[in-house]
């Protein structure tokens, strides 16, 4: 049930929901590719721009204000993710930050070392580490995907993560199947062999309370545009590692943390928007501290989204000729990937867009290793629908009717069960 969640208030916070195309309401089911922006984030960006933008470390008020805003943004992110503000660095996006960090880790990796990635992950948490291994003569090994359960096989971690392993990169949640991976035993095993651990939390942050301290990972990466904010990448690098990183820098740019990773002038207005996005999540929670309210807010979002997901999962699983790619057990985010027999995925999403104003994505979503293993590329990859806290049960019902209509009017090998 969804009565506990203030859906009308939540929807009022997203101006994009007012958009209509050809006099029809647009329905956003593309949250895994980027959520709509909360008005708090828009207002924070607009306020920073209107009040006068400036570069850093000046004696004049707009520069002083910019310095202060950036520090407030780090503190807000630290409260959201459970880390210290001095461990928070901003960048263009998660991918750019991952490549920058991988270059900075060259002195940690030597020929013959091992770097571990997974078959489930987005390539942004794979290719930067493959590039690092290639540059340093290290070996890449994969934690395998169980194609039946759509979860990672972590039963043999001691065989995969060995004394030669120097870095382990794993995603918290799949942006395709919604699989939530239990990263704790993976991080624990990495620590046992003194390897660094990297967590891609881009898809996890909007749905799962994050606690970097509890995870014990060395690096965590995410992006604000996935949690109701602007296009800003965020890296959390633990202080014990961050201080040792040797990054490519201009002279005489700062070399202390967290500024050492932030090359050039940052997207100040975007970072201002991050503060507003976090305020939206905080507003949904309860507690004495902002950290408590943020955890509670994410939990409220997760509870609401889960109530919508159960019905949608049952529906997609009930259609003959529709293959739903969903983990068979464990925690899941409200992200559903499926294919329809006899139909290219883009054909389906274009029809949903043109006939029903629904934003539903298609493709491999950069989870290309999994797409190849599951054999979905000939059909154009997956059709993906993702839920966000501004989606409603009515929108889910409209989606169900739309899929039924597509199957009925494009009947090939796909039919509904009686």
Protein backbone atom coordinates (compact mmCIF):
# COMPACT_ATOMS: atom_id res chain seq x y z
CA UNK A 1 0.00 0.00 0.00
CA UNK A 2 1.11 3.55 -0.69
CA UNK A 3 -1.00 5.65 1.70
CA UNK A 4 1.96 6.35 3.97
CA UNK A 5 3.92 8.18 1.27
CA UNK A 6 3.20 11.87 0.48
CA UNK A 7 3.08 11.29 -3.28
CA UNK A 8 1.17 14.49 -4.09
CA UNK A 9 3.72 16.57 -2.19
CA UNK A 10 6.61 14.71 -3.82
CA UNK A 11 5.19 15.27 -7.30
CA UNK A 12 4.77 18.97 -6.56
CA UNK A 13 8.54 19.16 -6.11
CA UNK A 14 9.26 18.16 -9.72
CA UNK A 15 8.36 20.86 -12.26
CA UNK A 16 9.13 18.52 -15.18
CA UNK A 17 6.03 16.50 -14.28
CA UNK A 18 3.92 19.39 -15.57
CA UNK A 19 5.15 18.90 -19.12
CA UNK A 20 2.66 17.80 -21.74
CA UNK A 21 3.38 16.70 -25.30
CA UNK A 22 0.50 16.95 -27.77
CA UNK A 23 -1.87 17.64 -24.87
CA UNK A 24 -0.90 14.39 -23.16
CA UNK A 25 0.89 14.12 -19.83
CA UNK A 26 4.43 12.81 -20.11
CA UNK A 27 5.26 9.84 -17.88
CA UNK A 28 8.87 9.44 -16.75
CA UNK A 29 9.97 5.83 -16.43
CA UNK A 30 13.63 6.59 -17.21
CA UNK A 31 14.93 7.18 -13.67
CA UNK A 32 17.78 4.65 -14.02
CA UNK A 33 19.17 6.81 -16.83
CA UNK A 34 18.69 9.99 -14.80
CA UNK A 35 15.88 11.23 -12.58
CA UNK A 36 14.03 14.49 -13.01
CA UNK A 37 15.34 17.37 -10.92
CA UNK A 38 13.73 18.41 -7.65
CA UNK A 39 12.73 22.07 -7.41
CA UNK A 40 15.07 22.53 -4.45
CA UNK A 41 17.99 21.66 -6.75
CA UNK A 42 16.74 23.99 -9.49
CA UNK A 43 16.26 26.81 -7.00
CA UNK A 44 19.71 26.27 -5.49
CA UNK A 45 21.34 26.48 -8.90
CA UNK A 46 19.28 29.53 -9.89
CA UNK A 47 19.99 31.31 -6.61
CA UNK A 48 23.74 30.78 -6.95
CA UNK A 49 23.73 32.08 -10.52
CA UNK A 50 21.50 35.08 -9.79
CA UNK A 51 23.45 36.13 -6.70
CA UNK A 52 26.74 36.36 -8.60
CA UNK A 53 29.11 33.58 -9.63
CA UNK A 54 32.82 33.67 -8.89
CA UNK A 55 35.95 31.60 -8.81
CA UNK A 56 37.58 30.51 -5.58
CA UNK A 57 39.77 31.95 -2.86
CA UNK A 58 39.13 35.64 -3.51
CA UNK A 59 38.68 38.41 -0.94
CA UNK A 60 35.36 39.61 -2.42
CA UNK A 61 31.95 38.42 -1.31
CA UNK A 62 30.91 36.35 -4.33
CA UNK A 63 34.15 34.37 -4.13
CA UNK A 64 33.81 33.91 -0.39
CA UNK A 65 30.22 32.76 -0.93
CA UNK A 66 31.35 30.23 -3.55
CA UNK A 67 34.00 28.82 -1.21
CA UNK A 68 31.37 28.47 1.51
CA UNK A 69 28.82 26.89 -0.84
CA UNK A 70 31.32 24.23 -1.93
CA UNK A 71 32.09 23.34 1.67
CA UNK A 72 28.38 23.14 2.49
CA UNK A 73 27.92 20.82 -0.48
CA UNK A 74 30.69 18.52 0.76
CA UNK A 75 29.11 18.40 4.21
CA UNK A 76 25.70 17.60 2.71
CA UNK A 77 27.17 14.78 0.60
CA UNK A 78 29.05 13.46 3.63
CA UNK A 79 25.76 13.33 5.55
CA UNK A 80 24.09 11.50 2.67
CA UNK A 81 26.83 8.92 2.18
CA UNK A 82 28.21 8.47 5.70
CA UNK A 83 31.76 9.77 5.29
CA UNK A 84 33.89 12.82 6.14
CA UNK A 85 33.48 16.00 4.08
CA UNK A 86 37.25 16.05 3.43
CA UNK A 87 36.80 12.73 1.57
CA UNK A 88 34.28 14.18 -0.94
CA UNK A 89 35.45 15.36 -4.37
CA UNK A 90 33.35 16.61 -7.27
CA UNK A 91 33.83 16.12 -11.00
CA UNK A 92 32.10 16.11 -14.37
CA UNK A 93 30.55 12.67 -13.89
CA UNK A 94 31.25 9.29 -12.36
CA UNK A 95 33.04 7.98 -15.45
CA UNK A 96 35.44 10.91 -15.63
CA UNK A 97 36.20 10.60 -11.92
CA UNK A 98 36.81 6.85 -12.23
CA UNK A 99 39.30 7.35 -15.05
CA UNK A 100 41.02 10.14 -13.12
CA UNK A 101 41.31 7.93 -10.04
CA UNK A 102 42.55 4.99 -12.10
CA UNK A 103 45.39 7.14 -13.47
CA UNK A 104 46.20 8.19 -9.93
CA UNK A 105 46.55 4.56 -8.84
CA UNK A 106 49.32 3.63 -11.27
CA UNK A 107 51.93 3.58 -8.52
CA UNK A 108 49.82 1.05 -6.59
CA UNK A 109 49.69 -1.50 -9.43
CA UNK A 110 52.62 -3.48 -10.82
CA UNK A 111 53.14 -6.09 -13.50
CA UNK A 112 51.66 -9.41 -12.47
CA UNK A 113 49.16 -7.89 -10.04
CA UNK A 114 45.45 -8.65 -10.37
CA UNK A 115 42.50 -6.30 -10.68
CA UNK A 116 39.00 -7.69 -10.16
CA UNK A 117 35.86 -6.41 -11.89
CA UNK A 118 32.44 -8.00 -12.46
CA UNK A 119 30.29 -9.23 -15.33
CA UNK A 120 27.24 -7.44 -13.89
CA UNK A 121 28.54 -3.89 -13.80
CA UNK A 122 28.14 -0.79 -15.93
CA UNK A 123 31.32 -0.33 -17.95
CA UNK A 124 32.12 2.86 -16.02
CA UNK A 125 33.18 0.58 -13.17
CA UNK A 126 35.02 -1.81 -15.46
CA UNK A 127 36.92 0.00 -18.22
CA UNK A 128 38.86 2.49 -16.04
CA UNK A 129 40.32 -0.48 -14.16
CA UNK A 130 40.96 -2.45 -17.35
CA UNK A 131 42.86 0.58 -18.65
CA UNK A 132 44.87 0.69 -15.43
CA UNK A 133 45.68 -3.01 -15.71
CA UNK A 134 46.71 -2.65 -19.34
CA UNK A 135 48.99 0.30 -18.59
CA UNK A 136 50.69 -1.48 -15.70
CA UNK A 137 50.84 -5.04 -17.03
CA UNK A 138 48.35 -6.35 -14.49
CA UNK A 139 45.81 -9.12 -15.03
CA UNK A 140 42.04 -8.55 -15.14
CA UNK A 141 39.78 -11.15 -13.53
CA UNK A 142 35.98 -11.15 -13.40
CA UNK A 143 33.56 -12.05 -10.64
CA UNK A 144 31.15 -14.11 -12.70
CA UNK A 145 27.46 -13.49 -13.30
CA UNK A 146 25.08 -16.32 -12.48
CA UNK A 147 22.86 -16.12 -15.57
CA UNK A 148 20.07 -18.04 -13.84
CA UNK A 149 19.75 -15.85 -10.75
CA UNK A 150 21.18 -12.63 -12.29
CA UNK A 151 23.38 -12.20 -9.22
CA UNK A 152 27.13 -12.34 -8.79
CA UNK A 153 28.73 -15.63 -7.87
CA UNK A 154 30.54 -14.77 -4.65
CA UNK A 155 30.80 -18.30 -3.29
CA UNK A 156 34.39 -18.60 -4.52
CA UNK A 157 35.77 -15.20 -3.52
CA UNK A 158 38.88 -16.77 -2.01
CA UNK A 159 39.75 -18.19 -5.44
CA UNK A 160 39.00 -14.99 -7.38
CA UNK A 161 40.47 -12.46 -4.94
CA UNK A 162 43.95 -13.70 -4.12
CA UNK A 163 47.20 -12.50 -2.59
CA UNK A 164 48.05 -10.99 -6.00
CA UNK A 165 44.88 -8.88 -6.07
CA UNK A 166 45.45 -5.16 -5.63
CA UNK A 167 42.04 -3.68 -6.50
CA UNK A 168 38.44 -4.95 -6.53
CA UNK A 169 35.68 -2.95 -8.26
CA UNK A 170 32.02 -3.91 -7.80
CA UNK A 171 28.66 -2.24 -8.28
CA UNK A 172 26.22 -1.88 -5.42
CA UNK A 173 23.22 -2.24 -7.70
CA UNK A 174 22.68 -3.08 -11.37
CA UNK A 175 21.19 -0.33 -13.51
CA UNK A 176 19.58 -3.04 -15.66
CA UNK A 177 18.27 -5.89 -13.53
CA UNK A 178 17.96 -4.02 -10.23
CA UNK A 179 20.16 -6.64 -8.54
CA UNK A 180 21.51 -5.33 -5.23
CA UNK A 181 24.83 -6.98 -4.48
CA UNK A 182 25.91 -7.71 -0.93
CA UNK A 183 29.23 -5.90 -1.17
CA UNK A 184 30.30 -6.53 2.43
CA UNK A 185 31.85 -9.99 1.91
CA UNK A 186 33.59 -8.73 -1.22
CA UNK A 187 35.08 -5.76 0.63
CA UNK A 188 35.99 -8.02 3.55
CA UNK A 189 37.86 -10.40 1.25
CA UNK A 190 39.65 -7.48 -0.42
CA UNK A 191 40.83 -6.28 2.97
CA UNK A 192 42.12 -9.75 3.84
CA UNK A 193 44.57 -9.54 0.93
CA UNK A 194 45.27 -5.79 1.38
CA UNK A 195 43.52 -4.87 -1.86
CA UNK A 196 41.69 -1.61 -2.50
CA UNK A 197 37.91 -1.75 -2.97
CA UNK A 198 35.85 0.48 -5.28
CA UNK A 199 32.06 0.65 -5.09
CA UNK A 200 29.92 2.02 -7.91
CA UNK A 201 26.86 3.37 -6.08
CA UNK A 202 25.43 5.42 -8.96
CA UNK A 203 22.30 3.30 -9.23
CA UNK A 204 22.16 2.56 -5.51
CA UNK A 205 22.07 6.02 -3.92
CA UNK A 206 18.47 6.90 -4.96
CA UNK A 207 17.12 3.67 -3.49
CA UNK A 208 19.45 2.39 -0.76
CA UNK A 209 20.78 4.14 2.38
CA UNK A 210 24.55 4.42 1.93
CA UNK A 211 27.10 4.22 4.75
CA UNK A 212 30.66 4.37 3.49
CA UNK A 213 32.01 3.91 6.99
CA UNK A 214 29.97 0.74 7.45
CA UNK A 215 30.91 -0.57 4.01
CA UNK A 216 34.60 -0.10 4.72
CA UNK A 217 35.38 0.48 1.04
CA UNK A 218 38.24 2.71 -0.08
CA UNK A 219 36.44 4.49 -2.90
CA UNK A 220 32.74 5.07 -3.61
CA UNK A 221 31.43 6.78 -6.73
CA UNK A 222 28.01 8.21 -7.57
CA UNK A 223 26.27 10.91 -9.61
CA UNK A 224 23.80 13.57 -8.46
CA UNK A 225 21.66 13.38 -11.60
CA UNK A 226 20.57 9.92 -10.48
CA UNK A 227 19.25 11.28 -7.16
CA UNK A 228 17.13 14.25 -8.27
CA UNK A 229 19.97 16.70 -8.90
CA UNK A 230 22.13 18.06 -11.74
CA UNK A 231 24.88 16.37 -13.75
CA UNK A 232 27.67 16.33 -11.16
CA UNK A 233 29.90 13.38 -10.37
CA UNK A 234 30.87 12.57 -6.77
CA UNK A 235 33.81 10.56 -5.48
CA UNK A 236 34.34 9.53 -1.89
CA UNK A 237 37.96 8.54 -1.32
CA UNK A 238 38.93 7.50 2.18
CA UNK A 239 41.48 9.80 3.76
CA UNK A 240 44.13 7.11 4.24
CA UNK A 241 44.17 6.57 0.46
CA UNK A 242 43.29 10.07 -0.75
CA UNK A 243 46.35 11.65 0.85
CA UNK A 244 48.59 9.18 -1.02
CA UNK A 245 47.12 9.65 -4.48
CA UNK A 246 49.35 11.34 -7.00
CA UNK A 247 47.08 13.12 -9.46
CA UNK A 248 47.79 15.02 -12.66
CA UNK A 249 47.70 18.69 -11.58
CA UNK A 250 48.57 22.14 -12.79
CA UNK A 251 51.07 24.20 -10.86
CA UNK A 252 50.32 25.70 -8.37
CA UNK A 253 46.90 24.04 -7.99
CA UNK A 254 46.06 22.69 -4.50
CA UNK A 255 47.52 19.30 -3.63
CA UNK A 256 45.66 18.78 -0.36
CA UNK A 257 42.46 16.77 -0.07
CA UNK A 258 39.79 16.88 -1.30
CA UNK A 259 40.76 19.59 -3.78
CA UNK A 260 43.64 17.67 -5.36
CA UNK A 261 41.30 15.58 -7.53
CA UNK A 262 39.29 18.59 -8.75
CA UNK A 263 41.12 19.87 -11.81
CA UNK A 264 40.19 23.26 -13.21
CA UNK A 265 37.14 25.30 -12.25
CA UNK A 266 34.30 23.11 -11.09
CA UNK A 267 30.64 23.27 -12.11
CA UNK A 268 29.78 25.55 -9.19
CA UNK A 269 26.14 26.04 -10.09
CA UNK A 270 25.73 22.28 -10.47
CA UNK A 271 27.31 21.65 -7.09
CA UNK A 272 24.91 24.18 -5.59
CA UNK A 273 22.14 22.05 -7.06
CA UNK A 274 23.49 18.98 -5.24
CA UNK A 275 22.67 20.70 -1.95
CA UNK A 276 19.08 21.16 -3.10
CA UNK A 277 18.74 17.54 -4.25
CA UNK A 278 19.90 16.32 -0.84
CA UNK A 279 17.46 18.71 0.84
CA UNK A 280 14.61 17.00 -1.06
CA UNK A 281 15.61 13.58 0.29
CA UNK A 282 16.03 14.99 3.80
CA UNK A 283 12.52 16.45 3.69
CA UNK A 284 11.04 12.97 3.36
CA UNK A 285 12.74 11.67 6.51
CA UNK A 286 12.62 12.05 10.26
CA UNK A 287 15.33 12.37 12.88
CA UNK A 288 17.38 14.74 14.98
CA UNK A 289 20.38 15.05 12.66
CA UNK A 290 20.47 15.54 8.91
CA UNK A 291 22.17 12.17 8.57
CA UNK A 292 19.25 10.52 10.39
CA UNK A 293 16.72 12.36 8.23
CA UNK A 294 18.53 11.38 5.04
CA UNK A 295 18.65 7.70 5.97
CA UNK A 296 14.97 7.85 6.89
CA UNK A 297 14.17 9.70 3.66
CA UNK A 298 15.86 7.11 1.46
CA UNK A 299 14.12 4.35 3.41
CA UNK A 300 10.76 6.04 2.79
CA UNK A 301 11.51 6.23 -0.92
CA UNK A 302 12.55 2.58 -0.99
CA UNK A 303 9.41 1.46 0.83
CA UNK A 304 7.18 3.38 -1.56
CA UNK A 305 8.98 2.22 -4.68
CA UNK A 306 8.89 -1.38 -3.46
CA UNK A 307 5.11 -1.17 -3.09
CA UNK A 308 4.85 -0.20 -6.76
CA UNK A 309 7.46 -2.73 -7.87
CA UNK A 310 5.70 -5.83 -6.57
CA UNK A 311 2.70 -5.34 -8.85
CA UNK A 312 4.87 -4.49 -11.86
CA UNK A 313 7.14 -7.48 -11.36
CA UNK A 314 4.17 -9.85 -11.15
CA UNK A 315 2.66 -8.35 -14.28
CA UNK A 316 5.79 -8.56 -16.44
CA UNK A 317 6.43 -12.08 -15.20
CA UNK A 318 2.92 -13.14 -16.25
CA UNK A 319 3.27 -12.40 -19.96
CA UNK A 320 4.09 -15.24 -22.33
CA UNK A 321 6.73 -14.14 -24.80
CA UNK A 322 8.02 -11.47 -22.44
CA UNK A 323 11.34 -12.31 -20.80
CA UNK A 324 11.86 -10.40 -17.56
CA UNK A 325 15.49 -10.10 -16.43
CA UNK A 326 15.09 -9.82 -12.67
CA UNK A 327 17.10 -11.47 -9.87
CA UNK A 328 15.35 -14.47 -8.39
CA UNK A 329 16.18 -13.54 -4.81
CA UNK A 330 17.61 -10.79 -2.63
CA UNK A 331 17.02 -7.08 -2.45
CA UNK A 332 16.18 -5.29 -5.72
CA UNK A 333 15.80 -1.72 -6.88
CA UNK A 334 12.67 -0.71 -8.87
CA UNK A 335 14.38 -1.30 -12.21
CA UNK A 336 12.94 -3.76 -14.72
CA UNK A 337 14.60 -4.99 -17.90
CA UNK A 338 12.72 -7.19 -20.33
CA UNK A 339 12.43 -8.24 -23.96
CA UNK A 340 9.43 -9.13 -26.10
CA UNK A 341 9.83 -12.06 -28.48
CA UNK A 342 9.89 -11.06 -32.10
CA UNK A 343 10.31 -7.35 -31.45
CA UNK A 344 13.34 -5.10 -31.44
CA UNK A 345 13.50 -3.22 -28.15
CA UNK A 346 13.62 0.16 -29.87
CA UNK A 347 10.41 -0.68 -31.70
CA UNK A 348 8.69 -1.10 -28.35
CA UNK A 349 10.08 2.00 -26.66
CA UNK A 350 9.33 4.17 -29.72
CA UNK A 351 5.76 2.93 -29.70
CA UNK A 352 5.40 3.67 -25.97
CA UNK A 353 6.78 7.17 -26.54
CA UNK A 354 4.64 7.95 -29.58
CA UNK A 355 1.40 6.38 -28.42
CA UNK A 356 1.52 6.94 -24.66
CA UNK A 357 4.11 9.68 -23.95
CA UNK A 358 6.10 7.21 -21.81
CA UNK A 359 9.83 7.63 -21.31
CA UNK A 360 11.04 4.03 -21.42
CA UNK A 361 14.61 3.32 -22.49
CA UNK A 362 16.21 0.57 -24.59
CA UNK A 363 19.73 -0.72 -25.17
CA UNK A 364 22.51 -2.39 -23.21
CA UNK A 365 22.88 0.56 -20.82
CA UNK A 366 26.65 0.06 -20.81
CA UNK A 367 26.21 -3.28 -19.03
CA UNK A 368 27.61 -4.75 -22.23
CA UNK A 369 29.27 -7.83 -20.71
CA UNK A 370 25.96 -8.94 -19.20
CA UNK A 371 24.10 -8.11 -22.43
CA UNK A 372 26.47 -10.34 -24.38
CA UNK A 373 26.25 -13.20 -21.87
CA UNK A 374 22.45 -13.07 -21.85
CA UNK A 375 22.20 -12.82 -25.64
CA UNK A 376 19.99 -9.75 -25.84
CA UNK A 377 22.01 -7.75 -28.38
CA UNK A 378 20.22 -9.11 -31.49
CA UNK A 379 16.99 -7.63 -30.10
CA UNK A 380 18.61 -4.25 -29.47
CA UNK A 381 19.27 -4.98 -25.82
CA UNK A 382 16.63 -4.61 -23.16
CA UNK A 383 13.51 -2.54 -22.70
CA UNK A 384 13.97 -0.86 -19.31
CA UNK A 385 11.41 0.75 -17.06
CA UNK A 386 12.59 2.30 -13.81
CA UNK A 387 10.52 3.79 -11.02
CA UNK A 388 11.27 6.92 -9.01
CA UNK A 389 9.47 8.38 -5.97
CA UNK A 390 7.44 10.69 -8.22
CA UNK A 391 5.88 7.77 -10.12
CA UNK A 392 2.36 6.68 -9.15
CA UNK A 393 0.34 3.48 -9.08
CA UNK A 394 -1.85 5.06 -11.77
CA UNK A 395 1.18 5.46 -14.04
CA UNK A 396 2.13 1.84 -13.46
CA UNK A 397 -1.39 0.78 -14.42
CA UNK A 398 -1.18 2.86 -17.61
CA UNK A 399 2.11 1.17 -18.45
CA UNK A 400 0.57 -2.25 -17.97
CA UNK A 401 -2.31 -1.37 -20.28
CA UNK A 402 0.14 0.04 -22.83
CA UNK A 403 2.20 -3.17 -22.92
CA UNK A 404 -0.94 -5.26 -23.22
CA UNK A 405 -2.06 -3.03 -26.09
CA UNK A 406 1.30 -3.35 -27.83
CA UNK A 407 1.18 -7.13 -27.62
CA UNK A 408 -2.42 -7.24 -28.81
CA UNK A 409 -1.82 -5.02 -31.83
CA UNK A 410 1.59 -6.45 -32.72
CA UNK A 411 0.79 -10.08 -32.09
CA UNK A 412 3.50 -12.35 -33.41
CA UNK A 413 4.82 -15.06 -31.11
CA UNK A 414 3.78 -13.09 -28.04
CA UNK A 415 0.42 -13.68 -26.40
CA UNK A 416 -1.04 -13.02 -23.01
CA UNK A 417 -1.71 -15.86 -20.62
CA UNK A 418 -5.38 -16.56 -20.08
